[in-house]
Amino acid sequence: MTETPRRPRRTLIRRALIAVASVAAASTMLTGCLYAAIPPESAATPAPSRQPDVEGVPAGFEQFYGQTLDWKACTGSDAGRFDCTTVTAPLDWSDPAVGTIDLAIIRRAATDGAPIGSLLTNPGGPGASGYDLIAQSSSFAVGSALSNAYDVIGFDPRGVGRSTAVRCFDPSAMDAYLFDIPADPRGSQGWTDELTARNRDFVAACEANSGGILPYITTDNAARDMDLLRAVFGDSKLNYLGYSYGTFLGATYAKLFPERVGRLVLDGAIDPSVSGLDVSTTQAVGFESALRAYMADCLQSRSCPFSGTVDEGMAALGTLLASVDRVPLTASDGRKLGADTLMTAIIAALYSQDSWTYLSTALSDALAGKPDTAFQLADFYYARSNGTYRDNSTEAFRAYNCMDYPLDTSQADKDAADALVKQKAPTIAPYWQGVDVCEVWPYPPTGVREKITADGAAPIVVVGTTNDPATPYEWSVSLAQQLSSGVLITRQGEGHTGYNKGNACVDKAVESYLVDGTVPTNGLTC
């Protein structure tokens, strides 16, 4: 992903629950705090510490697995509700002598006082802060049944947030990188050269400001970190709830440590076997489908900025995108709204059906020459507020993806993908291609794209939503089939991820498994 979220290979998977929560917060106002619309948590009783589980520790890493954690009441806005600690992990899981990193942890103690154990959570990204999600509302992340039964754990993976983090641009430079419009026409050599130069500047800043951690920001390493967390929390098995990219993290854990899999739920799955180009192609088609669903709903409202049939509404939206691509609109803060940023705003709102009303407002305003609302949606996507960035999710997103996805796409594959997107996602297609920052990343990718079977693992529940635009349903089906112990739950509906989204059937199945160990019927449809 470079200036927009529509790029070959490194594209739309990011922010997951945080994106949904951010845009949902627009129900009160389209500016302000990330979780403004989510109710506050009640106080929790601190959880007792358990002895580390040091069985099967890899040679040379005993000091990490045997560390004693110093849990303390969280400070600031988290005081009195949670306890926090820092876990020290090896920078390089192949060589403990290379150095160490810190992992920031937050814990909400089980409310019934007798927890099953720890439940690790990940909200997606890569690059979203699991610490922030639990700090702001663990009930939004996991629901009351799981909060009662588990010590709920939020953590920032390596490279993210409060953990040892990837650092790149300051806010003004990040604004220019994300929002400035190239001088030359889209697709021209000058356009390509300018975006490539921006990518080089961005990469140079990441390398200069990240303290040497970039080659170690990988999902494989983050999954090994999770096994360290499992052990130092005193759990013999990993219990885990992962959303969006968090499903890839969880599946990678199962691949590496199948014998240590406890109760895993992977919601809004990524298919670990598909290439980066296939990821972006499928997502483009998925977001086009979600956009058509939005348009069908919008056209039934008097406040809809479009009219006619769905096809006619989509054509009018395409005309709006082409118009701001030719003549960008100037926002009140001086930024220019072009087609790329408008598409980012659209995508941000499509993560949740609850946000469709605000998408209509943004598009109505843009048609009237007023781009501020569209910028507010785009700012939610990038965790931007009042000219600053609340987290480093954009930088971490690029760092993980550039290390996780092989650079093996042929020109023939790209041409075939272009043809498919033009056919199946015509509204998105003109703004899908771009210049990939990973082409100039300073380290070669170490990740592989392969099926994950996790032979010997306990049942792993996969939840897929039929019109999920960010992680299309077919990926959940594929992952559940790949996993030797995979169990698929299907949520019929719109939006990203399925658990704790108002579907009682999904919620009951997930909670019965995580709390009671009752394995859902494979193929359950809700």
Protein backbone atom coordinates (compact mmCIF):
# COMPACT_ATOMS: atom_id res chain seq x y z
CA MET A 1 0.00 0.00 0.00
CA THR A 2 1.36 3.47 -0.87
CA GLU A 3 -0.66 6.66 -1.15
CA THR A 4 -3.97 4.80 -1.33
CA PRO A 5 -5.21 1.44 -0.09
CA ARG A 6 -5.56 0.05 -3.62
CA ARG A 7 -2.20 -1.35 -4.61
CA PRO A 8 -1.02 -4.62 -6.09
CA ARG A 9 -0.07 -7.12 -3.39
CA ARG A 10 -0.10 -4.82 -0.34
CA THR A 11 -3.60 -3.50 -0.20
CA LEU A 12 -6.72 -3.26 1.85
CA ILE A 13 -6.27 -5.56 4.82
CA ARG A 14 -5.79 -3.26 7.77
CA ARG A 15 -7.31 -1.84 10.91
CA ALA A 16 -10.09 -4.43 11.17
CA LEU A 17 -12.00 -3.80 14.41
CA ILE A 18 -10.31 -0.45 14.86
CA ALA A 19 -11.54 0.68 11.46
CA VAL A 20 -15.05 -0.49 12.30
CA ALA A 21 -14.99 1.15 15.72
CA SER A 22 -13.57 4.37 14.35
CA VAL A 23 -16.19 4.85 11.70
CA ALA A 24 -18.95 3.72 14.03
CA ALA A 25 -17.87 6.53 16.33
CA ALA A 26 -19.12 8.87 13.64
CA SER A 27 -22.60 8.22 15.01
CA THR A 28 -21.86 10.97 17.48
CA MET A 29 -19.57 13.09 15.33
CA LEU A 30 -17.14 12.48 12.50
CA THR A 31 -14.22 13.89 14.42
CA GLY A 32 -12.71 13.13 17.79
CA CYS A 33 -11.60 10.16 19.80
CA LEU A 34 -11.11 6.74 18.25
CA TYR A 35 -13.65 4.97 20.43
CA ALA A 36 -15.91 7.90 21.22
CA ALA A 37 -19.13 5.92 20.75
CA ILE A 38 -18.13 2.84 22.75
CA PRO A 39 -19.31 2.72 26.37
CA PRO A 40 -16.67 2.79 29.10
CA GLU A 41 -15.66 -0.31 31.00
CA SER A 42 -16.39 -0.92 34.64
CA ALA A 43 -13.55 -1.53 37.04
CA ALA A 44 -11.99 -4.99 37.12
CA THR A 45 -10.31 -6.86 39.94
CA PRO A 46 -6.58 -7.44 39.27
CA ALA A 47 -5.83 -11.00 38.20
CA PRO A 48 -3.42 -13.16 40.18
CA SER A 49 -0.22 -14.09 38.40
CA ARG A 50 0.53 -17.68 37.44
CA GLN A 51 3.89 -19.38 37.12
CA PRO A 52 5.45 -19.34 33.64
CA ASP A 53 5.02 -22.47 31.55
CA VAL A 54 8.58 -23.40 30.55
CA GLU A 55 7.96 -26.84 29.08
CA GLY A 56 9.53 -27.28 25.65
CA VAL A 57 11.42 -23.98 25.67
CA PRO A 58 13.66 -23.63 22.60
CA ALA A 59 17.34 -23.84 23.46
CA GLY A 60 18.91 -20.48 24.15
CA PHE A 61 15.62 -18.76 24.93
CA GLU A 62 15.13 -19.99 28.48
CA GLN A 63 15.62 -16.55 30.00
CA PHE A 64 12.73 -15.16 27.94
CA TYR A 65 10.30 -17.96 28.78
CA GLY A 66 11.21 -17.89 32.44
CA GLN A 67 10.87 -14.15 33.03
CA THR A 68 8.71 -12.96 35.90
CA LEU A 69 6.21 -10.28 34.95
CA ASP A 70 5.73 -7.10 36.93
CA TRP A 71 1.99 -6.45 36.68
CA LYS A 72 0.89 -2.99 37.80
CA ALA A 73 -2.30 -0.99 37.63
CA CYS A 74 -2.37 0.81 34.31
CA THR A 75 -1.78 4.54 34.42
CA GLY A 76 -3.63 7.42 32.83
CA SER A 77 -7.07 6.75 31.40
CA ASP A 78 -6.65 3.01 32.08
CA ALA A 79 -6.10 3.42 35.83
CA GLY A 80 -8.30 1.27 38.05
CA ARG A 81 -9.69 -0.83 35.21
CA PHE A 82 -6.78 -2.93 33.97
CA ASP A 83 -3.31 -4.04 34.87
CA CYS A 84 -0.37 -3.72 32.54
CA THR A 85 3.10 -5.11 32.05
CA THR A 86 5.94 -5.34 29.57
CA VAL A 87 7.28 -8.62 28.20
CA THR A 88 10.82 -8.81 26.87
CA ALA A 89 11.15 -10.82 23.65
CA PRO A 90 14.12 -11.64 21.45
CA LEU A 91 14.48 -9.39 18.43
CA ASP A 92 15.50 -12.40 16.33
CA TRP A 93 13.90 -15.76 17.12
CA SER A 94 16.75 -17.53 15.34
CA ASP A 95 19.46 -15.91 17.48
CA PRO A 96 18.82 -14.75 21.07
CA ALA A 97 22.07 -12.76 21.07
CA VAL A 98 20.92 -10.24 18.44
CA GLY A 99 19.00 -8.11 20.92
CA THR A 100 15.62 -7.67 22.59
CA ILE A 101 12.36 -5.84 22.09
CA ASP A 102 9.53 -4.88 24.44
CA LEU A 103 5.93 -6.02 24.06
CA ALA A 104 3.26 -3.86 25.71
CA ILE A 105 0.53 -5.88 27.45
CA ILE A 106 -2.81 -4.95 29.00
CA ARG A 107 -5.01 -7.38 30.93
CA ARG A 108 -8.62 -7.23 32.07
CA ALA A 109 -9.15 -9.80 34.79
CA ALA A 110 -11.97 -12.31 34.46
CA THR A 111 -15.00 -10.91 36.22
CA ASP A 112 -16.05 -14.24 37.74
CA GLY A 113 -12.74 -14.50 39.61
CA ALA A 114 -11.93 -18.03 38.40
CA PRO A 115 -10.60 -17.65 34.86
CA ILE A 116 -10.18 -20.47 32.39
CA GLY A 117 -6.88 -18.81 31.60
CA SER A 118 -5.71 -16.00 29.34
CA LEU A 119 -7.47 -15.11 26.08
CA LEU A 120 -5.14 -13.29 23.70
CA THR A 121 -6.79 -11.02 21.16
CA ASN A 122 -5.65 -9.30 17.99
CA PRO A 123 -7.77 -6.70 16.14
CA GLY A 124 -6.06 -7.00 12.74
CA GLY A 125 -4.00 -4.77 10.56
CA PRO A 126 -1.23 -5.74 10.46
CA GLY A 127 -0.38 -2.81 12.66
CA ALA A 128 -3.53 -2.29 14.73
CA SER A 129 -3.05 -1.89 18.47
CA GLY A 130 -4.46 -4.72 20.53
CA TYR A 131 -3.59 -2.77 23.66
CA ASP A 132 -5.78 0.16 22.61
CA LEU A 133 -8.68 -2.06 21.69
CA ILE A 134 -8.84 -3.69 25.12
CA ALA A 135 -8.04 -0.44 26.93
CA GLN A 136 -10.93 1.37 25.28
CA SER A 137 -13.53 -1.39 25.38
CA SER A 138 -12.88 -5.04 26.01
CA SER A 139 -16.63 -5.63 25.71
CA PHE A 140 -16.52 -4.41 22.12
CA ALA A 141 -13.61 -6.75 21.45
CA VAL A 142 -14.83 -9.91 23.15
CA GLY A 143 -18.28 -9.56 24.73
CA SER A 144 -19.32 -10.12 28.32
CA ALA A 145 -19.34 -13.93 28.23
CA LEU A 146 -15.65 -14.03 27.38
CA SER A 147 -14.80 -11.23 29.81
CA ASN A 148 -16.43 -13.26 32.55
CA ALA A 149 -14.51 -16.42 31.75
CA TYR A 150 -11.04 -15.24 30.77
CA ASP A 151 -8.31 -12.82 31.67
CA VAL A 152 -8.60 -10.89 28.41
CA ILE A 153 -5.23 -9.87 27.00
CA GLY A 154 -4.53 -7.05 24.59
CA PHE A 155 -1.03 -6.63 23.25
CA ASP A 156 0.77 -4.59 20.65
CA PRO A 157 2.70 -6.95 18.39
CA ARG A 158 6.34 -6.20 17.67
CA GLY A 159 6.66 -3.04 15.63
CA VAL A 160 3.29 -1.69 16.77
CA GLY A 161 2.17 1.09 19.10
CA ARG A 162 3.49 0.89 22.66
CA SER A 163 5.73 -2.06 21.88
CA THR A 164 9.13 -1.51 20.26
CA ALA A 165 7.74 0.20 17.20
CA VAL A 166 8.38 1.04 13.57
CA ARG A 167 8.84 4.78 13.19
CA CYS A 168 8.98 6.66 9.90
CA PHE A 169 7.63 10.13 9.10
CA ASP A 170 6.56 13.00 11.33
CA PRO A 171 2.90 14.07 10.90
CA SER A 172 3.48 16.70 8.23
CA ALA A 173 5.60 14.36 6.13
CA MET A 174 3.03 11.58 6.60
CA ASP A 175 0.30 13.93 5.41
CA ALA A 176 2.27 14.67 2.26
CA TYR A 177 2.95 10.98 1.70
CA LEU A 178 -0.67 9.92 2.08
CA PHE A 179 -2.59 12.85 0.65
CA ASP A 180 -0.52 14.94 -1.78
CA ILE A 181 -1.63 14.57 -5.39
CA PRO A 182 1.07 13.84 -7.99
CA ALA A 183 1.76 16.58 -10.49
CA ASP A 184 1.52 14.32 -13.54
CA PRO A 185 -1.54 12.44 -14.81
CA ARG A 186 -2.43 9.07 -13.31
CA GLY A 187 -0.54 6.22 -14.94
CA SER A 188 2.05 8.42 -16.68
CA GLN A 189 5.78 7.91 -16.25
CA GLY A 190 6.03 11.14 -14.28
CA TRP A 191 3.27 9.92 -11.94
CA THR A 192 5.10 6.64 -11.41
CA ASP A 193 8.43 8.39 -10.85
CA GLU A 194 6.97 10.77 -8.27
CA LEU A 195 5.29 7.99 -6.28
CA THR A 196 8.46 5.91 -6.42
CA ALA A 197 10.47 8.85 -5.07
CA ARG A 198 7.96 9.29 -2.25
CA ASN A 199 8.24 5.60 -1.41
CA ARG A 200 12.03 5.84 -1.28
CA ASP A 201 11.82 8.79 1.09
CA PHE A 202 9.34 6.93 3.28
CA VAL A 203 11.51 3.81 3.40
CA ALA A 204 14.61 5.84 4.21
CA ALA A 205 12.78 7.45 7.13
CA CYS A 206 11.61 4.05 8.41
CA GLU A 207 15.12 2.68 8.27
CA ALA A 208 16.58 5.73 9.99
CA ASN A 209 14.00 5.96 12.78
CA SER A 210 13.17 2.33 13.66
CA GLY A 211 16.35 1.28 15.46
CA GLY A 212 17.23 -1.67 13.24
CA ILE A 213 14.04 -3.68 13.78
CA LEU A 214 12.65 -3.66 10.22
CA PRO A 215 13.98 -7.07 9.09
CA TYR A 216 12.41 -8.69 12.16
CA ILE A 217 8.88 -7.29 11.74
CA THR A 218 7.27 -10.46 10.41
CA THR A 219 4.18 -12.48 11.20
CA ASP A 220 6.35 -15.53 11.87
CA ASN A 221 8.23 -13.65 14.60
CA ALA A 222 5.00 -12.17 15.99
CA ALA A 223 3.48 -15.66 16.25
CA ARG A 224 6.56 -16.84 18.15
CA ASP A 225 6.09 -13.84 20.44
CA MET A 226 2.57 -15.10 21.14
CA ASP A 227 3.95 -18.43 22.31
CA LEU A 228 6.21 -16.51 24.67
CA LEU A 229 3.17 -14.61 25.98
CA ARG A 230 1.28 -17.85 26.47
CA ALA A 231 4.13 -19.25 28.52
CA VAL A 232 4.83 -16.23 30.72
CA PHE A 233 1.11 -15.92 31.47
CA GLY A 234 1.26 -19.48 32.81
CA ASP A 235 -0.94 -21.13 30.16
CA SER A 236 -0.06 -24.54 28.74
CA LYS A 237 -2.23 -23.88 25.65
CA LEU A 238 -2.96 -20.72 23.70
CA ASN A 239 -6.54 -19.47 23.72
CA TYR A 240 -6.95 -16.79 21.10
CA LEU A 241 -9.49 -14.62 19.28
CA GLY A 242 -8.10 -12.97 16.15
CA TYR A 243 -9.82 -10.73 13.64
CA SER A 244 -8.88 -10.06 9.99
CA TYR A 245 -5.07 -10.07 9.78
CA GLY A 246 -5.23 -11.55 13.28
CA THR A 247 -6.49 -14.74 11.63
CA PHE A 248 -3.24 -15.03 9.69
CA LEU A 249 -1.32 -14.45 12.90
CA GLY A 250 -3.36 -17.13 14.67
CA ALA A 251 -3.07 -19.61 11.80
CA THR A 252 0.69 -19.04 11.70
CA TYR A 253 0.83 -19.81 15.42
CA ALA A 254 -1.07 -23.04 14.79
CA LYS A 255 1.37 -23.96 12.02
CA LEU A 256 4.36 -23.40 14.29
CA PHE A 257 2.93 -24.80 17.54
CA PRO A 258 0.02 -27.14 16.75
CA GLU A 259 0.48 -29.04 20.00
CA ARG A 260 0.00 -25.82 21.98
CA VAL A 261 -3.24 -24.76 20.32
CA GLY A 262 -6.03 -24.41 22.83
CA ARG A 263 -9.29 -22.77 21.71
CA LEU A 264 -8.67 -20.60 18.66
CA VAL A 265 -11.30 -18.52 16.85
CA LEU A 266 -10.26 -16.80 13.62
CA ASP A 267 -12.85 -14.25 12.45
CA GLY A 268 -12.75 -12.67 9.00
CA ALA A 269 -10.04 -14.94 7.66
CA ILE A 270 -7.16 -14.30 5.34
CA ASP A 271 -6.23 -17.19 3.07
CA PRO A 272 -2.54 -17.81 3.81
CA SER A 273 -2.02 -19.61 0.51
CA VAL A 274 -2.91 -16.83 -1.93
CA SER A 275 -0.39 -14.39 -3.37
CA GLY A 276 -0.34 -10.71 -2.59
CA LEU A 277 -1.68 -9.94 -6.04
CA ASP A 278 -4.55 -12.36 -5.49
CA VAL A 279 -5.25 -10.68 -2.14
CA SER A 280 -5.60 -7.25 -3.69
CA THR A 281 -7.61 -8.53 -6.65
CA THR A 282 -10.09 -10.37 -4.44
CA GLN A 283 -10.42 -7.40 -2.14
CA ALA A 284 -11.10 -5.04 -5.03
CA VAL A 285 -13.96 -7.30 -6.11
CA GLY A 286 -15.14 -7.59 -2.50
CA PHE A 287 -15.28 -3.85 -1.97
CA GLU A 288 -17.09 -3.38 -5.28
CA SER A 289 -19.70 -5.88 -4.06
CA ALA A 290 -20.04 -4.05 -0.75
CA LEU A 291 -20.29 -0.75 -2.60
CA ARG A 292 -23.14 -2.09 -4.71
CA ALA A 293 -24.91 -3.28 -1.55
CA TYR A 294 -24.48 0.20 -0.08
CA MET A 295 -25.82 1.76 -3.28
CA ALA A 296 -28.91 -0.48 -3.29
CA ASP A 297 -29.63 0.56 0.29
CA CYS A 298 -28.87 4.23 -0.36
CA LEU A 299 -31.25 4.45 -3.32
CA GLN A 300 -34.17 3.59 -1.04
CA SER A 301 -33.53 6.71 1.04
CA ARG A 302 -34.65 10.24 0.26
CA SER A 303 -31.30 11.52 1.47
CA CYS A 304 -29.32 9.43 -1.03
CA PRO A 305 -27.17 11.59 -3.31
CA PHE A 306 -27.83 9.22 -6.23
CA SER A 307 -30.91 8.11 -8.15
CA GLY A 308 -32.10 5.49 -10.58
CA THR A 309 -30.94 1.88 -10.61
CA VAL A 310 -27.92 0.48 -8.81
CA ASP A 311 -25.98 0.51 -12.07
CA GLU A 312 -26.92 4.13 -12.67
CA GLY A 313 -25.92 5.07 -9.12
CA MET A 314 -22.58 3.32 -9.51
CA ALA A 315 -22.00 5.11 -12.81
CA ALA A 316 -22.70 8.45 -11.12
CA LEU A 317 -20.26 7.59 -8.34
CA GLY A 318 -17.68 6.71 -10.98
CA THR A 319 -18.25 10.12 -12.55
CA LEU A 320 -17.68 11.79 -9.16
CA LEU A 321 -14.40 9.90 -8.68
CA ALA A 322 -13.22 10.85 -12.17
CA SER A 323 -14.19 14.47 -11.54
CA VAL A 324 -12.13 14.85 -8.35
CA ASP A 325 -9.29 12.97 -10.05
CA ARG A 326 -9.23 15.70 -12.71
CA VAL A 327 -10.00 18.66 -10.44
CA PRO A 328 -9.36 17.93 -6.73
CA LEU A 329 -11.47 19.66 -4.08
CA THR A 330 -9.79 21.83 -1.45
CA ALA A 331 -10.67 21.05 2.18
CA SER A 332 -10.83 23.60 4.99
CA ASP A 333 -7.35 22.53 6.17
CA GLY A 334 -5.86 23.01 2.71
CA ARG A 335 -5.58 19.35 1.73
CA LYS A 336 -6.73 18.36 -1.73
CA LEU A 337 -9.33 15.61 -2.15
CA GLY A 338 -8.50 13.54 -5.20
CA ALA A 339 -9.89 10.19 -6.27
CA ASP A 340 -7.44 8.18 -4.16
CA THR A 341 -8.42 9.82 -0.88
CA LEU A 342 -12.11 9.74 -1.78
CA MET A 343 -11.78 6.01 -2.45
CA THR A 344 -10.06 5.60 0.93
CA ALA A 345 -13.03 7.34 2.57
CA ILE A 346 -15.46 5.04 0.77
CA ILE A 347 -13.52 1.94 1.80
CA ALA A 348 -13.35 3.09 5.43
CA ALA A 349 -17.14 3.35 5.57
CA LEU A 350 -17.70 -0.02 3.89
CA TYR A 351 -16.15 -1.91 6.81
CA SER A 352 -19.46 -1.66 8.66
CA GLN A 353 -23.05 -1.29 7.47
CA ASP A 354 -23.58 1.07 10.40
CA SER A 355 -21.38 3.58 8.57
CA TRP A 356 -23.36 3.74 5.33
CA THR A 357 -25.27 6.84 6.46
CA TYR A 358 -22.00 8.71 6.91
CA LEU A 359 -20.78 7.56 3.53
CA SER A 360 -23.90 9.12 2.00
CA THR A 361 -23.12 12.37 3.82
CA ALA A 362 -19.53 12.35 2.59
CA LEU A 363 -20.58 11.70 -1.01
CA SER A 364 -23.36 14.30 -0.89
CA ASP A 365 -20.89 16.87 0.38
CA ALA A 366 -18.30 15.94 -2.25
CA LEU A 367 -20.90 16.34 -5.00
CA ALA A 368 -21.53 19.81 -3.59
CA GLY A 369 -17.81 20.61 -3.70
CA LYS A 370 -17.27 20.16 0.05
CA PRO A 371 -14.62 17.51 0.84
CA ASP A 372 -14.25 17.81 4.62
CA THR A 373 -16.51 14.88 5.53
CA ALA A 374 -14.68 12.59 3.10
CA PHE A 375 -11.41 13.62 4.70
CA GLN A 376 -12.81 12.79 8.13
CA LEU A 377 -13.58 9.24 6.98
CA ALA A 378 -10.14 8.91 5.39
CA ASP A 379 -8.57 10.25 8.57
CA PHE A 380 -10.35 7.56 10.58
CA TYR A 381 -8.85 4.98 8.25
CA TYR A 382 -5.36 6.32 8.87
CA ALA A 383 -5.88 7.02 12.61
CA ARG A 384 -5.35 10.74 11.99
CA SER A 385 -6.84 13.41 14.24
CA ASN A 386 -6.23 17.17 14.36
CA GLY A 387 -3.16 16.94 12.18
CA THR A 388 -1.47 14.16 14.14
CA TYR A 389 -1.55 10.36 14.01
CA ARG A 390 -2.83 8.45 17.00
CA ASP A 391 -0.69 5.42 16.29
CA ASN A 392 1.87 3.98 13.91
CA SER A 393 -0.51 1.54 12.21
CA THR A 394 0.24 2.87 8.73
CA GLU A 395 3.98 2.36 9.14
CA ALA A 396 3.60 -1.05 10.78
CA PHE A 397 1.15 -2.14 8.09
CA ARG A 398 3.73 -1.55 5.40
CA ALA A 399 6.57 -3.10 7.41
CA TYR A 400 4.72 -6.37 8.00
CA ASN A 401 3.38 -6.72 4.48
CA CYS A 402 6.71 -5.97 2.85
CA MET A 403 8.36 -8.74 4.86
CA ASP A 404 5.48 -11.24 4.65
CA TYR A 405 4.70 -11.29 0.93
CA PRO A 406 7.20 -12.60 -1.65
CA LEU A 407 8.03 -10.33 -4.59
CA ASP A 408 7.20 -12.92 -7.24
CA THR A 409 4.45 -11.40 -9.37
CA SER A 410 4.93 -11.72 -13.13
CA GLN A 411 3.76 -9.14 -15.63
CA ALA A 412 1.37 -11.71 -17.07
CA ASP A 413 -0.19 -12.17 -13.65
CA LYS A 414 -0.54 -8.41 -13.22
CA ASP A 415 -2.19 -8.08 -16.63
CA ALA A 416 -4.65 -10.87 -15.82
CA ALA A 417 -5.46 -9.23 -12.48
CA ASP A 418 -6.05 -5.90 -14.22
CA ALA A 419 -8.48 -7.50 -16.63
CA LEU A 420 -10.36 -9.23 -13.82
CA VAL A 421 -10.69 -6.08 -11.71
CA LYS A 422 -11.87 -4.05 -14.70
CA GLN A 423 -14.54 -6.66 -15.35
CA LYS A 424 -15.73 -7.31 -11.79
CA ALA A 425 -14.90 -4.05 -10.00
CA PRO A 426 -15.26 -1.31 -12.61
CA THR A 427 -15.80 1.51 -10.11
CA ILE A 428 -12.67 0.68 -8.15
CA ALA A 429 -10.55 -0.43 -11.11
CA PRO A 430 -9.22 2.99 -12.24
CA TYR A 431 -7.75 3.61 -8.77
CA TRP A 432 -6.60 0.09 -7.93
CA GLN A 433 -3.15 0.01 -9.47
CA GLY A 434 -0.27 2.00 -8.04
CA VAL A 435 3.39 1.97 -7.09
CA ASP A 436 4.26 -0.59 -4.44
CA VAL A 437 6.39 0.63 -1.54
CA CYS A 438 7.64 -2.93 -1.05
CA GLU A 439 9.55 -2.72 -4.33
CA VAL A 440 11.99 -0.39 -2.55
CA TRP A 441 11.84 -1.89 0.95
CA PRO A 442 15.39 -2.21 2.33
CA TYR A 443 15.10 -5.93 3.22
CA PRO A 444 13.92 -8.88 1.13
CA PRO A 445 10.70 -10.56 2.23
CA THR A 446 11.07 -13.71 4.30
CA GLY A 447 7.42 -14.81 4.35
CA VAL A 448 5.88 -17.57 2.28
CA ARG A 449 2.39 -18.06 0.89
CA GLU A 450 1.28 -21.60 1.52
CA LYS A 451 -1.61 -23.62 2.85
CA ILE A 452 -1.66 -24.07 6.61
CA THR A 453 -2.88 -27.43 7.89
CA ALA A 454 -1.68 -27.30 11.53
CA ASP A 455 -1.84 -31.08 11.81
CA GLY A 456 -2.47 -32.19 15.39
CA ALA A 457 -4.06 -28.93 16.55
CA ALA A 458 -7.26 -28.82 18.56
CA PRO A 459 -10.37 -27.62 16.65
CA ILE A 460 -9.88 -24.16 15.16
CA VAL A 461 -13.08 -22.19 14.50
CA VAL A 462 -13.13 -19.93 11.43
CA VAL A 463 -15.88 -17.29 11.08
CA GLY A 464 -16.67 -15.84 7.65
CA THR A 465 -19.21 -13.17 6.63
CA THR A 466 -20.80 -13.60 3.21
CA ASN A 467 -20.33 -10.01 1.99
CA ASP A 468 -17.25 -9.05 3.98
CA PRO A 469 -15.38 -6.64 1.70
CA ALA A 470 -12.00 -6.63 3.45
CA THR A 471 -11.64 -10.38 3.99
CA PRO A 472 -13.98 -11.95 1.44
CA TYR A 473 -15.95 -15.00 2.50
CA GLU A 474 -14.11 -17.33 0.15
CA TRP A 475 -10.95 -16.87 2.23
CA SER A 476 -12.68 -18.12 5.37
CA VAL A 477 -13.98 -21.13 3.47
CA SER A 478 -10.49 -21.84 2.15
CA LEU A 479 -8.75 -21.50 5.52
CA ALA A 480 -11.29 -23.74 7.25
CA GLN A 481 -10.73 -26.37 4.56
CA GLN A 482 -6.95 -26.11 4.78
CA LEU A 483 -6.80 -26.56 8.54
CA SER A 484 -6.87 -30.22 9.50
CA SER A 485 -9.13 -29.32 12.43
CA GLY A 486 -10.90 -26.34 10.84
CA VAL A 487 -14.56 -25.66 11.64
CA LEU A 488 -16.44 -23.05 9.58
CA ILE A 489 -19.17 -20.73 10.84
CA THR A 490 -20.90 -18.61 8.18
CA ARG A 491 -22.51 -15.28 9.06
CA GLN A 492 -24.88 -14.11 6.34
CA GLY A 493 -24.64 -10.36 6.08
CA GLU A 494 -22.65 -7.23 5.37
CA GLY A 495 -19.52 -5.82 6.93
CA HIS A 496 -16.18 -6.94 8.25
CA THR A 497 -15.95 -9.86 10.74
CA GLY A 498 -18.83 -11.72 12.36
CA TYR A 499 -18.51 -12.17 16.12
CA ASN A 500 -20.05 -9.60 18.48
CA LYS A 501 -21.77 -7.83 15.59
CA GLY A 502 -25.35 -8.47 16.66
CA ASN A 503 -25.79 -12.00 15.29
CA ALA A 504 -26.85 -14.12 18.28
CA CYS A 505 -26.25 -17.40 16.43
CA VAL A 506 -22.61 -16.54 15.72
CA ASP A 507 -22.05 -15.18 19.21
CA LYS A 508 -23.48 -18.27 20.88
CA ALA A 509 -21.36 -20.63 18.78
CA VAL A 510 -18.14 -18.70 19.38
CA GLU A 511 -18.74 -18.26 23.09
CA SER A 512 -19.81 -21.87 23.62
CA TYR A 513 -16.53 -22.98 22.12
CA LEU A 514 -14.25 -20.53 23.89
CA VAL A 515 -15.98 -20.85 27.27
CA ASP A 516 -17.22 -24.44 27.36
CA GLY A 517 -15.15 -26.12 24.66
CA THR A 518 -18.26 -27.06 22.67
CA VAL A 519 -17.13 -27.36 19.06
CA PRO A 520 -19.66 -25.84 16.61
CA THR A 521 -21.10 -27.93 13.82
CA ASN A 522 -18.86 -27.52 10.80
CA GLY A 523 -20.74 -25.47 8.21
CA LEU A 524 -23.05 -23.77 10.71
CA THR A 525 -24.83 -20.91 8.92
CA CYS A 526 -26.18 -17.95 10.88
